[in-house]
């Protein structure tokens, strides 16, 4: 009945065909849209994998969060240190103290290698400065040795040799941002606790970190894998959710590779493009400003 009416009414045929065409077209467009959404979702997923949002950030300190310049070779430094030793009965001249220091440091490193069986030992300079006092002082003079002598001399050594120390422009801003995102932050530095703890406080950075690891406390330094592994073990960090950020291919990125976590090179040295291409150590990402870490969350 409907068909006969349509045949007798050409307009009805046109309307019927138009309705069917529109239904088919709508179905096709819907299918296309679903394909586009699915493809876009896949692209976004791949992008997220490549631009990983990490839960745990392990930072180097010097050259990564702060810029520093020191001069530990100048004769004036060693002359002043020698005068301080002399004041407490340990008789050194500047050149002799510098030579004795180098000898003690070399021997301490050899002893640590033998003791720990590691390739990358880290000595504690506070112990070295204390031993230098014992080496040169009379037994009677040691009664007047200030408590914490090694710590004191290590700090004086640093203050006299340090030319400048400053946080990079976006350091605090980015650390605060990462904390706001719920990330856990750790510091892993090849550094002397005797003066680096003071410099962390001087830069007002301690509050940003969930924990701090300094090589002189551990007796080993990057790229010794155990140094980084200790952070993962202590805080039960998953390697896939963790990244190390540092400015040195041979220590920061090398230890990341050794342990199996991602490494981001903050290229402040900076390494040239040719050096990066030729290096057998490959970071997962290279950035020139710490602020680039914020793009992971956008």
C-alpha atoms as a PDB file:
ATOM      1  CA  UNK A   1       0.000   0.000   0.000  1.00  0.00           C
ATOM      2  CA  UNK A   2       2.806   2.418   0.982  1.00  0.00           C
ATOM      3  CA  UNK A   3       4.820   1.453  -2.119  1.00  0.00           C
ATOM      4  CA  UNK A   4       1.843   1.992  -4.409  1.00  0.00           C
ATOM      5  CA  UNK A   5       1.277   5.439  -2.906  1.00  0.00           C
ATOM      6  CA  UNK A   6       4.948   6.294  -3.403  1.00  0.00           C
ATOM      7  CA  UNK A   7       4.840   5.154  -7.027  1.00  0.00           C
ATOM      8  CA  UNK A   8       1.804   7.321  -7.664  1.00  0.00           C
ATOM      9  CA  UNK A   9       3.481  10.239  -5.865  1.00  0.00           C
ATOM     10  CA  UNK A  10       6.996  11.029  -7.242  1.00  0.00           C
ATOM     11  CA  UNK A  11       7.595  13.527  -4.412  1.00  0.00           C
ATOM     12  CA  UNK A  12       7.121  10.792  -1.823  1.00  0.00           C
ATOM     13  CA  UNK A  13       9.739   8.682  -3.607  1.00  0.00           C
ATOM     14  CA  UNK A  14      12.200  11.530  -3.427  1.00  0.00           C
ATOM     15  CA  UNK A  15      11.544  12.086   0.271  1.00  0.00           C
ATOM     16  CA  UNK A  16      11.920   8.372   1.000  1.00  0.00           C
ATOM     17  CA  UNK A  17      15.219   8.172  -0.827  1.00  0.00           C
ATOM     18  CA  UNK A  18      16.473  11.343   0.813  1.00  0.00           C
ATOM     19  CA  UNK A  19      15.634   9.995   4.294  1.00  0.00           C
ATOM     20  CA  UNK A  20      17.504   6.761   3.583  1.00  0.00           C
ATOM     21  CA  UNK A  21      20.496   8.630   2.217  1.00  0.00           C
ATOM     22  CA  UNK A  22      20.583  10.872   5.314  1.00  0.00           C
ATOM     23  CA  UNK A  23      20.360   7.857   7.640  1.00  0.00           C
ATOM     24  CA  UNK A  24      23.197   6.147   5.784  1.00  0.00           C
ATOM     25  CA  UNK A  25      25.268   9.340   5.745  1.00  0.00           C
ATOM     26  CA  UNK A  26      24.708   9.866   9.476  1.00  0.00           C
ATOM     27  CA  UNK A  27      25.814   6.296  10.160  1.00  0.00           C
ATOM     28  CA  UNK A  28      28.935   6.779   8.039  1.00  0.00           C
ATOM     29  CA  UNK A  29      29.818  10.062   9.763  1.00  0.00           C
ATOM     30  CA  UNK A  30      29.330   8.423  13.162  1.00  0.00           C
ATOM     31  CA  UNK A  31      31.669   5.591  12.145  1.00  0.00           C
ATOM     32  CA  UNK A  32      34.255   8.127  10.930  1.00  0.00           C
ATOM     33  CA  UNK A  33      34.062  10.073  14.167  1.00  0.00           C
ATOM     34  CA  UNK A  34      34.576   6.921  16.221  1.00  0.00           C
ATOM     35  CA  UNK A  35      37.636   6.066  14.135  1.00  0.00           C
ATOM     36  CA  UNK A  36      39.066   9.573  14.628  1.00  0.00           C
ATOM     37  CA  UNK A  37      38.479   9.478  18.395  1.00  0.00           C
ATOM     38  CA  UNK A  38      40.066   6.029  18.638  1.00  0.00           C
ATOM     39  CA  UNK A  39      43.067   7.113  16.579  1.00  0.00           C
ATOM     40  CA  UNK A  40      43.471  10.323  18.606  1.00  0.00           C
ATOM     41  CA  UNK A  41      43.305   8.318  21.825  1.00  0.00           C
ATOM     42  CA  UNK A  42      46.025   6.002  20.527  1.00  0.00           C
ATOM     43  CA  UNK A  43      48.232   8.955  19.562  1.00  0.00           C
ATOM     44  CA  UNK A  44      47.733  10.538  22.981  1.00  0.00           C
ATOM     45  CA  UNK A  45      48.589   7.229  24.614  1.00  0.00           C
ATOM     46  CA  UNK A  46      51.812   6.948  22.622  1.00  0.00           C
ATOM     47  CA  UNK A  47      52.632  10.566  23.409  1.00  0.00           C
ATOM     48  CA  UNK A  48      52.147   9.891  27.104  1.00  0.00           C
ATOM     49  CA  UNK A  49      54.508   6.939  26.853  1.00  0.00           C
ATOM     50  CA  UNK A  50      57.159   9.034  25.121  1.00  0.00           C
ATOM     51  CA  UNK A  51      56.676  12.057  27.376  1.00  0.00           C
ATOM     52  CA  UNK A  52      56.470  10.087  30.596  1.00  0.00           C
ATOM     53  CA  UNK A  53      54.855  11.564  33.669  1.00  0.00           C
ATOM     54  CA  UNK A  54      57.098  10.261  36.443  1.00  0.00           C
ATOM     55  CA  UNK A  55      56.108   9.879  40.065  1.00  0.00           C
ATOM     56  CA  UNK A  56      59.652  10.033  41.433  1.00  0.00           C
ATOM     57  CA  UNK A  57      62.403  12.499  40.514  1.00  0.00           C
ATOM     58  CA  UNK A  58      65.998  11.984  41.652  1.00  0.00           C
ATOM     59  CA  UNK A  59      68.064  15.133  41.191  1.00  0.00           C
ATOM     60  CA  UNK A  60      71.766  15.805  41.085  1.00  0.00           C
ATOM     61  CA  UNK A  61      72.775  18.980  42.947  1.00  0.00           C
ATOM     62  CA  UNK A  62      75.776  20.864  41.558  1.00  0.00           C
ATOM     63  CA  UNK A  63      75.372  21.847  37.919  1.00  0.00           C
ATOM     64  CA  UNK A  64      71.746  20.705  37.964  1.00  0.00           C
ATOM     65  CA  UNK A  65      69.922  22.671  40.647  1.00  0.00           C
ATOM     66  CA  UNK A  66      72.676  25.118  41.551  1.00  0.00           C
ATOM     67  CA  UNK A  67      75.635  26.664  39.766  1.00  0.00           C
ATOM     68  CA  UNK A  68      78.956  26.755  41.578  1.00  0.00           C
ATOM     69  CA  UNK A  69      82.539  27.764  40.899  1.00  0.00           C
ATOM     70  CA  UNK A  70      85.430  26.776  43.159  1.00  0.00           C
ATOM     71  CA  UNK A  71      89.201  27.076  43.050  1.00  0.00           C
ATOM     72  CA  UNK A  72      90.937  24.503  45.246  1.00  0.00           C
ATOM     73  CA  UNK A  73      94.412  25.018  43.770  1.00  0.00           C
ATOM     74  CA  UNK A  74      95.169  28.637  44.682  1.00  0.00           C
ATOM     75  CA  UNK A  75      98.176  29.105  47.020  1.00  0.00           C
ATOM     76  CA  UNK A  76      96.319  31.651  49.164  1.00  0.00           C
ATOM     77  CA  UNK A  77      93.747  28.988  50.106  1.00  0.00           C
ATOM     78  CA  UNK A  78      96.411  26.591  51.366  1.00  0.00           C
ATOM     79  CA  UNK A  79      98.391  29.315  53.131  1.00  0.00           C
ATOM     80  CA  UNK A  80      95.319  30.334  55.137  1.00  0.00           C
ATOM     81  CA  UNK A  81      94.459  26.735  55.982  1.00  0.00           C
ATOM     82  CA  UNK A  82      98.059  26.160  57.086  1.00  0.00           C
ATOM     83  CA  UNK A  83      97.828  29.180  59.399  1.00  0.00           C
ATOM     84  CA  UNK A  84      94.726  27.700  60.987  1.00  0.00           C
ATOM     85  CA  UNK A  85      96.500  24.380  61.559  1.00  0.00           C
ATOM     86  CA  UNK A  86      99.501  26.235  63.024  1.00  0.00           C
ATOM     87  CA  UNK A  87      97.254  28.083  65.457  1.00  0.00           C
ATOM     88  CA  UNK A  88      96.348  24.743  67.007  1.00  0.00           C
ATOM     89  CA  UNK A  89      99.807  23.191  67.025  1.00  0.00           C
ATOM     90  CA  UNK A  90      99.954  21.401  63.665  1.00  0.00           C
ATOM     91  CA  UNK A  91     102.870  22.952  61.815  1.00  0.00           C
ATOM     92  CA  UNK A  92     102.349  23.171  58.057  1.00  0.00           C
ATOM     93  CA  UNK A  93     103.299  25.589  55.326  1.00  0.00           C
ATOM     94  CA  UNK A  94     100.802  26.110  52.519  1.00  0.00           C
ATOM     95  CA  UNK A  95     102.593  24.002  49.884  1.00  0.00           C
ATOM     96  CA  UNK A  96     103.351  21.214  52.353  1.00  0.00           C
ATOM     97  CA  UNK A  97      99.722  21.083  53.483  1.00  0.00           C
ATOM     98  CA  UNK A  98      98.483  20.907  49.898  1.00  0.00           C
ATOM     99  CA  UNK A  99     100.907  18.063  49.135  1.00  0.00           C
ATOM    100  CA  UNK A 100     100.005  16.169  52.310  1.00  0.00           C
ATOM    101  CA  UNK A 101      96.303  16.609  51.513  1.00  0.00           C
ATOM    102  CA  UNK A 102      96.700  15.137  48.011  1.00  0.00           C
ATOM    103  CA  UNK A 103      98.654  12.186  49.404  1.00  0.00           C
ATOM    104  CA  UNK A 104      96.057  11.482  52.094  1.00  0.00           C
ATOM    105  CA  UNK A 105      93.187  11.703  49.586  1.00  0.00           C
ATOM    106  CA  UNK A 106      94.895   9.277  47.198  1.00  0.00           C
ATOM    107  CA  UNK A 107      95.599   6.765  49.952  1.00  0.00           C
ATOM    108  CA  UNK A 108      92.072   7.012  51.362  1.00  0.00           C
ATOM    109  CA  UNK A 109      90.602   6.233  47.939  1.00  0.00           C
ATOM    110  CA  UNK A 110      92.826   3.167  47.566  1.00  0.00           C
ATOM    111  CA  UNK A 111      91.816   1.979  51.024  1.00  0.00           C
ATOM    112  CA  UNK A 112      88.122   2.369  50.201  1.00  0.00           C
ATOM    113  CA  UNK A 113      88.488   0.425  46.956  1.00  0.00           C
ATOM    114  CA  UNK A 114      90.127  -2.415  48.873  1.00  0.00           C
ATOM    115  CA  UNK A 115      87.558  -2.263  51.679  1.00  0.00           C
ATOM    116  CA  UNK A 116      84.383  -1.960  49.620  1.00  0.00           C
ATOM    117  CA  UNK A 117      85.499  -3.583  46.366  1.00  0.00           C
ATOM    118  CA  UNK A 118      83.943  -0.802  44.291  1.00  0.00           C
ATOM    119  CA  UNK A 119      85.100   1.073  41.212  1.00  0.00           C
ATOM    120  CA  UNK A 120      83.847   4.475  42.370  1.00  0.00           C
ATOM    121  CA  UNK A 121      84.690   5.152  46.032  1.00  0.00           C
ATOM    122  CA  UNK A 122      84.008   8.431  47.796  1.00  0.00           C
ATOM    123  CA  UNK A 123      86.111   9.649  50.687  1.00  0.00           C
ATOM    124  CA  UNK A 124      84.996  11.922  53.514  1.00  0.00           C
ATOM    125  CA  UNK A 125      87.111  15.086  53.527  1.00  0.00           C
ATOM    126  CA  UNK A 126      86.298  15.791  57.160  1.00  0.00           C
ATOM    127  CA  UNK A 127      88.246  12.624  58.039  1.00  0.00           C
ATOM    128  CA  UNK A 128      91.112  13.719  55.784  1.00  0.00           C
ATOM    129  CA  UNK A 129      91.425  17.136  57.427  1.00  0.00           C
ATOM    130  CA  UNK A 130      91.294  15.547  60.844  1.00  0.00           C
ATOM    131  CA  UNK A 131      94.009  13.041  59.923  1.00  0.00           C
ATOM    132  CA  UNK A 132      96.205  15.851  58.615  1.00  0.00           C
ATOM    133  CA  UNK A 133      96.039  17.457  62.041  1.00  0.00           C
ATOM    134  CA  UNK A 134      97.027  14.202  63.752  1.00  0.00           C
ATOM    135  CA  UNK A 135      99.894  13.728  61.294  1.00  0.00           C
ATOM    136  CA  UNK A 136     101.547  17.081  62.069  1.00  0.00           C
ATOM    137  CA  UNK A 137     100.648  17.921  65.650  1.00  0.00           C
ATOM    138  CA  UNK A 138     102.443  17.043  68.852  1.00  0.00           C
ATOM    139  CA  UNK A 139     100.649  14.762  71.291  1.00  0.00           C
ATOM    140  CA  UNK A 140     100.362  17.619  73.804  1.00  0.00           C
ATOM    141  CA  UNK A 141      98.852  19.938  71.179  1.00  0.00           C
ATOM    142  CA  UNK A 142      95.960  17.569  70.520  1.00  0.00           C
ATOM    143  CA  UNK A 143      94.525  18.400  73.909  1.00  0.00           C
ATOM    144  CA  UNK A 144      93.671  21.812  72.464  1.00  0.00           C
ATOM    145  CA  UNK A 145      92.200  20.493  69.197  1.00  0.00           C
ATOM    146  CA  UNK A 146      88.651  21.869  68.799  1.00  0.00           C
ATOM    147  CA  UNK A 147      85.866  19.316  68.769  1.00  0.00           C
ATOM    148  CA  UNK A 148      84.755  18.562  65.227  1.00  0.00           C
ATOM    149  CA  UNK A 149      88.044  19.787  63.800  1.00  0.00           C
ATOM    150  CA  UNK A 150      87.690  17.923  60.500  1.00  0.00           C
ATOM    151  CA  UNK A 151      84.186  19.289  59.959  1.00  0.00           C
ATOM    152  CA  UNK A 152      85.328  22.812  60.787  1.00  0.00           C
ATOM    153  CA  UNK A 153      88.321  22.751  58.439  1.00  0.00           C
ATOM    154  CA  UNK A 154      86.255  21.201  55.652  1.00  0.00           C
ATOM    155  CA  UNK A 155      83.802  24.100  55.934  1.00  0.00           C
ATOM    156  CA  UNK A 156      86.581  26.692  56.016  1.00  0.00           C
ATOM    157  CA  UNK A 157      88.178  24.988  53.008  1.00  0.00           C
ATOM    158  CA  UNK A 158      84.914  25.285  51.091  1.00  0.00           C
ATOM    159  CA  UNK A 159      84.207  28.889  52.035  1.00  0.00           C
ATOM    160  CA  UNK A 160      87.724  29.986  51.040  1.00  0.00           C
ATOM    161  CA  UNK A 161      87.690  28.064  47.735  1.00  0.00           C
ATOM    162  CA  UNK A 162      84.145  28.953  46.670  1.00  0.00           C
ATOM    163  CA  UNK A 163      83.895  31.804  44.182  1.00  0.00           C
ATOM    164  CA  UNK A 164      80.118  31.751  43.824  1.00  0.00           C
ATOM    165  CA  UNK A 165      77.076  29.601  44.499  1.00  0.00           C
ATOM    166  CA  UNK A 166      73.582  30.291  43.195  1.00  0.00           C
ATOM    167  CA  UNK A 167      70.429  28.386  42.334  1.00  0.00           C
ATOM    168  CA  UNK A 168      69.532  28.277  38.646  1.00  0.00           C
ATOM    169  CA  UNK A 169      66.651  30.642  37.740  1.00  0.00           C
ATOM    170  CA  UNK A 170      63.808  28.080  37.667  1.00  0.00           C
ATOM    171  CA  UNK A 171      65.051  25.594  40.259  1.00  0.00           C
ATOM    172  CA  UNK A 172      62.722  26.457  43.138  1.00  0.00           C
ATOM    173  CA  UNK A 173      59.765  27.084  40.850  1.00  0.00           C
ATOM    174  CA  UNK A 174      60.055  23.646  39.228  1.00  0.00           C
ATOM    175  CA  UNK A 175      60.692  21.768  42.477  1.00  0.00           C
ATOM    176  CA  UNK A 176      57.619  23.422  43.995  1.00  0.00           C
ATOM    177  CA  UNK A 177      55.586  22.573  40.900  1.00  0.00           C
ATOM    178  CA  UNK A 178      56.597  18.892  41.009  1.00  0.00           C
ATOM    179  CA  UNK A 179      55.682  18.691  44.691  1.00  0.00           C
ATOM    180  CA  UNK A 180      52.269  20.206  43.883  1.00  0.00           C
ATOM    181  CA  UNK A 181      51.756  17.431  41.318  1.00  0.00           C
ATOM    182  CA  UNK A 182      52.270  14.854  44.057  1.00  0.00           C
ATOM    183  CA  UNK A 183      55.749  13.782  42.927  1.00  0.00           C
ATOM    184  CA  UNK A 184      58.374  12.560  45.364  1.00  0.00           C
ATOM    185  CA  UNK A 185      61.728  14.286  45.078  1.00  0.00           C
ATOM    186  CA  UNK A 186      65.153  13.001  46.106  1.00  0.00           C
ATOM    187  CA  UNK A 187      68.663  14.402  45.985  1.00  0.00           C
ATOM    188  CA  UNK A 188      71.536  12.117  44.941  1.00  0.00           C
ATOM    189  CA  UNK A 189      74.802  14.011  44.728  1.00  0.00           C
ATOM    190  CA  UNK A 190      78.498  13.285  44.440  1.00  0.00           C
ATOM    191  CA  UNK A 191      79.286  15.667  47.247  1.00  0.00           C
ATOM    192  CA  UNK A 192      80.844  16.159  50.646  1.00  0.00           C
ATOM    193  CA  UNK A 193      78.352  16.173  53.494  1.00  0.00           C
ATOM    194  CA  UNK A 194      80.717  18.421  55.482  1.00  0.00           C
ATOM    195  CA  UNK A 195      79.881  21.404  53.293  1.00  0.00           C
ATOM    196  CA  UNK A 196      77.100  20.359  50.923  1.00  0.00           C
ATOM    197  CA  UNK A 197      74.519  20.121  53.717  1.00  0.00           C
ATOM    198  CA  UNK A 198      75.271  23.747  54.556  1.00  0.00           C
ATOM    199  CA  UNK A 199      75.000  24.754  50.884  1.00  0.00           C
ATOM    200  CA  UNK A 200      71.639  22.971  50.510  1.00  0.00           C
ATOM    201  CA  UNK A 201      70.384  25.056  53.425  1.00  0.00           C
ATOM    202  CA  UNK A 202      72.045  28.196  52.090  1.00  0.00           C
ATOM    203  CA  UNK A 203      70.082  27.760  48.849  1.00  0.00           C
ATOM    204  CA  UNK A 204      66.906  26.985  50.862  1.00  0.00           C
ATOM    205  CA  UNK A 205      66.276  23.722  48.999  1.00  0.00           C
ATOM    206  CA  UNK A 206      66.131  21.100  51.754  1.00  0.00           C
ATOM    207  CA  UNK A 207      62.365  21.359  52.271  1.00  0.00           C
ATOM    208  CA  UNK A 208      61.654  20.219  48.707  1.00  0.00           C
ATOM    209  CA  UNK A 209      63.234  16.779  49.143  1.00  0.00           C
ATOM    210  CA  UNK A 210      61.802  13.618  50.636  1.00  0.00           C
ATOM    211  CA  UNK A 211      65.342  12.392  51.271  1.00  0.00           C
ATOM    212  CA  UNK A 212      68.936  13.408  50.550  1.00  0.00           C
ATOM    213  CA  UNK A 213      71.850  11.123  49.647  1.00  0.00           C
ATOM    214  CA  UNK A 214      75.420  12.437  49.599  1.00  0.00           C
ATOM    215  CA  UNK A 215      78.301  10.326  48.359  1.00  0.00           C
ATOM    216  CA  UNK A 216      80.653  11.028  51.265  1.00  0.00           C
ATOM    217  CA  UNK A 217      78.087   9.472  53.631  1.00  0.00           C
ATOM    218  CA  UNK A 218      77.726   6.390  51.424  1.00  0.00           C
ATOM    219  CA  UNK A 219      81.432   5.868  50.701  1.00  0.00           C
ATOM    220  CA  UNK A 220      80.584   5.455  47.008  1.00  0.00           C
ATOM    221  CA  UNK A 221      79.600   7.857  44.247  1.00  0.00           C
ATOM    222  CA  UNK A 222      77.855   7.909  40.885  1.00  0.00           C
ATOM    223  CA  UNK A 223      78.095   6.001  38.579  1.00  0.00           C
ATOM    224  CA  UNK A 224      78.414   3.210  41.166  1.00  0.00           C
ATOM    225  CA  UNK A 225      75.006   1.480  40.732  1.00  0.00           C
ATOM    226  CA  UNK A 226      74.609   0.704  44.430  1.00  0.00           C
ATOM    227  CA  UNK A 227      74.456   4.419  45.247  1.00  0.00           C
ATOM    228  CA  UNK A 228      71.297   4.895  43.175  1.00  0.00           C
ATOM    229  CA  UNK A 229      69.888   1.475  44.059  1.00  0.00           C
ATOM    230  CA  UNK A 230      69.885   2.457  47.726  1.00  0.00           C
ATOM    231  CA  UNK A 231      67.398   5.242  47.005  1.00  0.00           C
ATOM    232  CA  UNK A 232      65.092   2.840  45.158  1.00  0.00           C
ATOM    233  CA  UNK A 233      65.326   0.258  47.935  1.00  0.00           C
ATOM    234  CA  UNK A 234      64.886   2.682  50.834  1.00  0.00           C
ATOM    235  CA  UNK A 235      61.744   4.247  49.365  1.00  0.00           C
ATOM    236  CA  UNK A 236      60.411   1.278  47.353  1.00  0.00           C
ATOM    237  CA  UNK A 237      60.473   3.203  44.104  1.00  0.00           C
ATOM    238  CA  UNK A 238      59.451   1.475  40.892  1.00  0.00           C
ATOM    239  CA  UNK A 239      62.099   1.978  38.153  1.00  0.00           C
ATOM    240  CA  UNK A 240      59.380   2.566  35.539  1.00  0.00           C
ATOM    241  CA  UNK A 241      58.010   5.482  37.589  1.00  0.00           C
ATOM    242  CA  UNK A 242      61.371   7.011  38.422  1.00  0.00           C
ATOM    243  CA  UNK A 243      63.760   9.322  36.573  1.00  0.00           C
ATOM    244  CA  UNK A 244      67.134  10.825  37.413  1.00  0.00           C
ATOM    245  CA  UNK A 245      67.846  14.404  36.335  1.00  0.00           C
ATOM    246  CA  UNK A 246      71.472  15.478  36.128  1.00  0.00           C
ATOM    247  CA  UNK A 247      74.021  17.413  34.103  1.00  0.00           C
ATOM    248  CA  UNK A 248      76.724  14.753  33.676  1.00  0.00           C
ATOM    249  CA  UNK A 249      76.620  11.916  31.153  1.00  0.00           C
ATOM    250  CA  UNK A 250      79.376   9.938  32.863  1.00  0.00           C
ATOM    251  CA  UNK A 251      77.816   9.990  36.331  1.00  0.00           C
ATOM    252  CA  UNK A 252      74.100  10.860  36.345  1.00  0.00           C
ATOM    253  CA  UNK A 253      73.030   9.308  33.053  1.00  0.00           C
ATOM    254  CA  UNK A 254      75.492   6.435  33.336  1.00  0.00           C
ATOM    255  CA  UNK A 255      74.150   5.371  36.720  1.00  0.00           C
ATOM    256  CA  UNK A 256      70.575   5.625  35.420  1.00  0.00           C
ATOM    257  CA  UNK A 257      71.478   3.271  32.562  1.00  0.00           C
ATOM    258  CA  UNK A 258      73.231   0.884  34.931  1.00  0.00           C
ATOM    259  CA  UNK A 259      70.217   0.620  37.218  1.00  0.00           C
ATOM    260  CA  UNK A 260      67.590   0.612  34.459  1.00  0.00           C
ATOM    261  CA  UNK A 261      65.721   3.867  35.006  1.00  0.00           C
ATOM    262  CA  UNK A 262      65.220   6.822  32.678  1.00  0.00           C
ATOM    263  CA  UNK A 263      67.761   9.633  32.681  1.00  0.00           C
ATOM    264  CA  UNK A 264      67.185  13.253  31.692  1.00  0.00           C
ATOM    265  CA  UNK A 265      70.278  15.285  30.863  1.00  0.00           C
ATOM    266  CA  UNK A 266      70.022  18.903  31.971  1.00  0.00           C
ATOM    267  CA  UNK A 267      72.690  20.175  29.613  1.00  0.00           C
ATOM    268  CA  UNK A 268      74.337  22.936  31.618  1.00  0.00           C
ATOM    269  CA  UNK A 269      77.989  22.034  30.877  1.00  0.00           C
ATOM    270  CA  UNK A 270      77.028  22.176  28.039  1.00  0.00           C
ATOM    271  CA  UNK A 271      77.784  19.156  25.863  1.00  0.00           C
ATOM    272  CA  UNK A 272      77.963  19.962  22.170  1.00  0.00           C
ATOM    273  CA  UNK A 273      75.644  18.255  19.726  1.00  0.00           C
ATOM    274  CA  UNK A 274      78.606  16.287  18.399  1.00  0.00           C
ATOM    275  CA  UNK A 275      79.596  15.150  21.889  1.00  0.00           C
ATOM    276  CA  UNK A 276      76.073  13.952  22.575  1.00  0.00           C
ATOM    277  CA  UNK A 277      75.928  12.050  19.287  1.00  0.00           C
ATOM    278  CA  UNK A 278      79.315  10.390  19.832  1.00  0.00           C
ATOM    279  CA  UNK A 279      78.745   9.464  23.460  1.00  0.00           C
ATOM    280  CA  UNK A 280      77.942   5.779  24.096  1.00  0.00           C
ATOM    281  CA  UNK A 281      75.842   6.951  27.059  1.00  0.00           C
ATOM    282  CA  UNK A 282      72.447   8.079  25.805  1.00  0.00           C
ATOM    283  CA  UNK A 283      69.986  10.067  27.916  1.00  0.00           C
ATOM    284  CA  UNK A 284      66.271   9.479  27.381  1.00  0.00           C
ATOM    285  CA  UNK A 285      65.824  13.211  27.015  1.00  0.00           C
ATOM    286  CA  UNK A 286      68.012  16.314  26.782  1.00  0.00           C
ATOM    287  CA  UNK A 287      66.857  19.662  28.140  1.00  0.00           C
ATOM    288  CA  UNK A 288      68.637  22.987  28.605  1.00  0.00           C
ATOM    289  CA  UNK A 289      66.388  24.463  31.299  1.00  0.00           C
ATOM    290  CA  UNK A 290      64.894  22.663  34.280  1.00  0.00           C
ATOM    291  CA  UNK A 291      61.607  24.408  33.488  1.00  0.00           C
ATOM    292  CA  UNK A 292      61.166  21.909  30.614  1.00  0.00           C
ATOM    293  CA  UNK A 293      60.231  19.273  33.206  1.00  0.00           C
ATOM    294  CA  UNK A 294      56.889  21.008  33.635  1.00  0.00           C
ATOM    295  CA  UNK A 295      55.874  20.078  30.073  1.00  0.00           C
ATOM    296  CA  UNK A 296      55.462  16.456  31.180  1.00  0.00           C
ATOM    297  CA  UNK A 297      52.267  17.517  32.908  1.00  0.00           C
ATOM    298  CA  UNK A 298      50.692  19.565  30.121  1.00  0.00           C
END
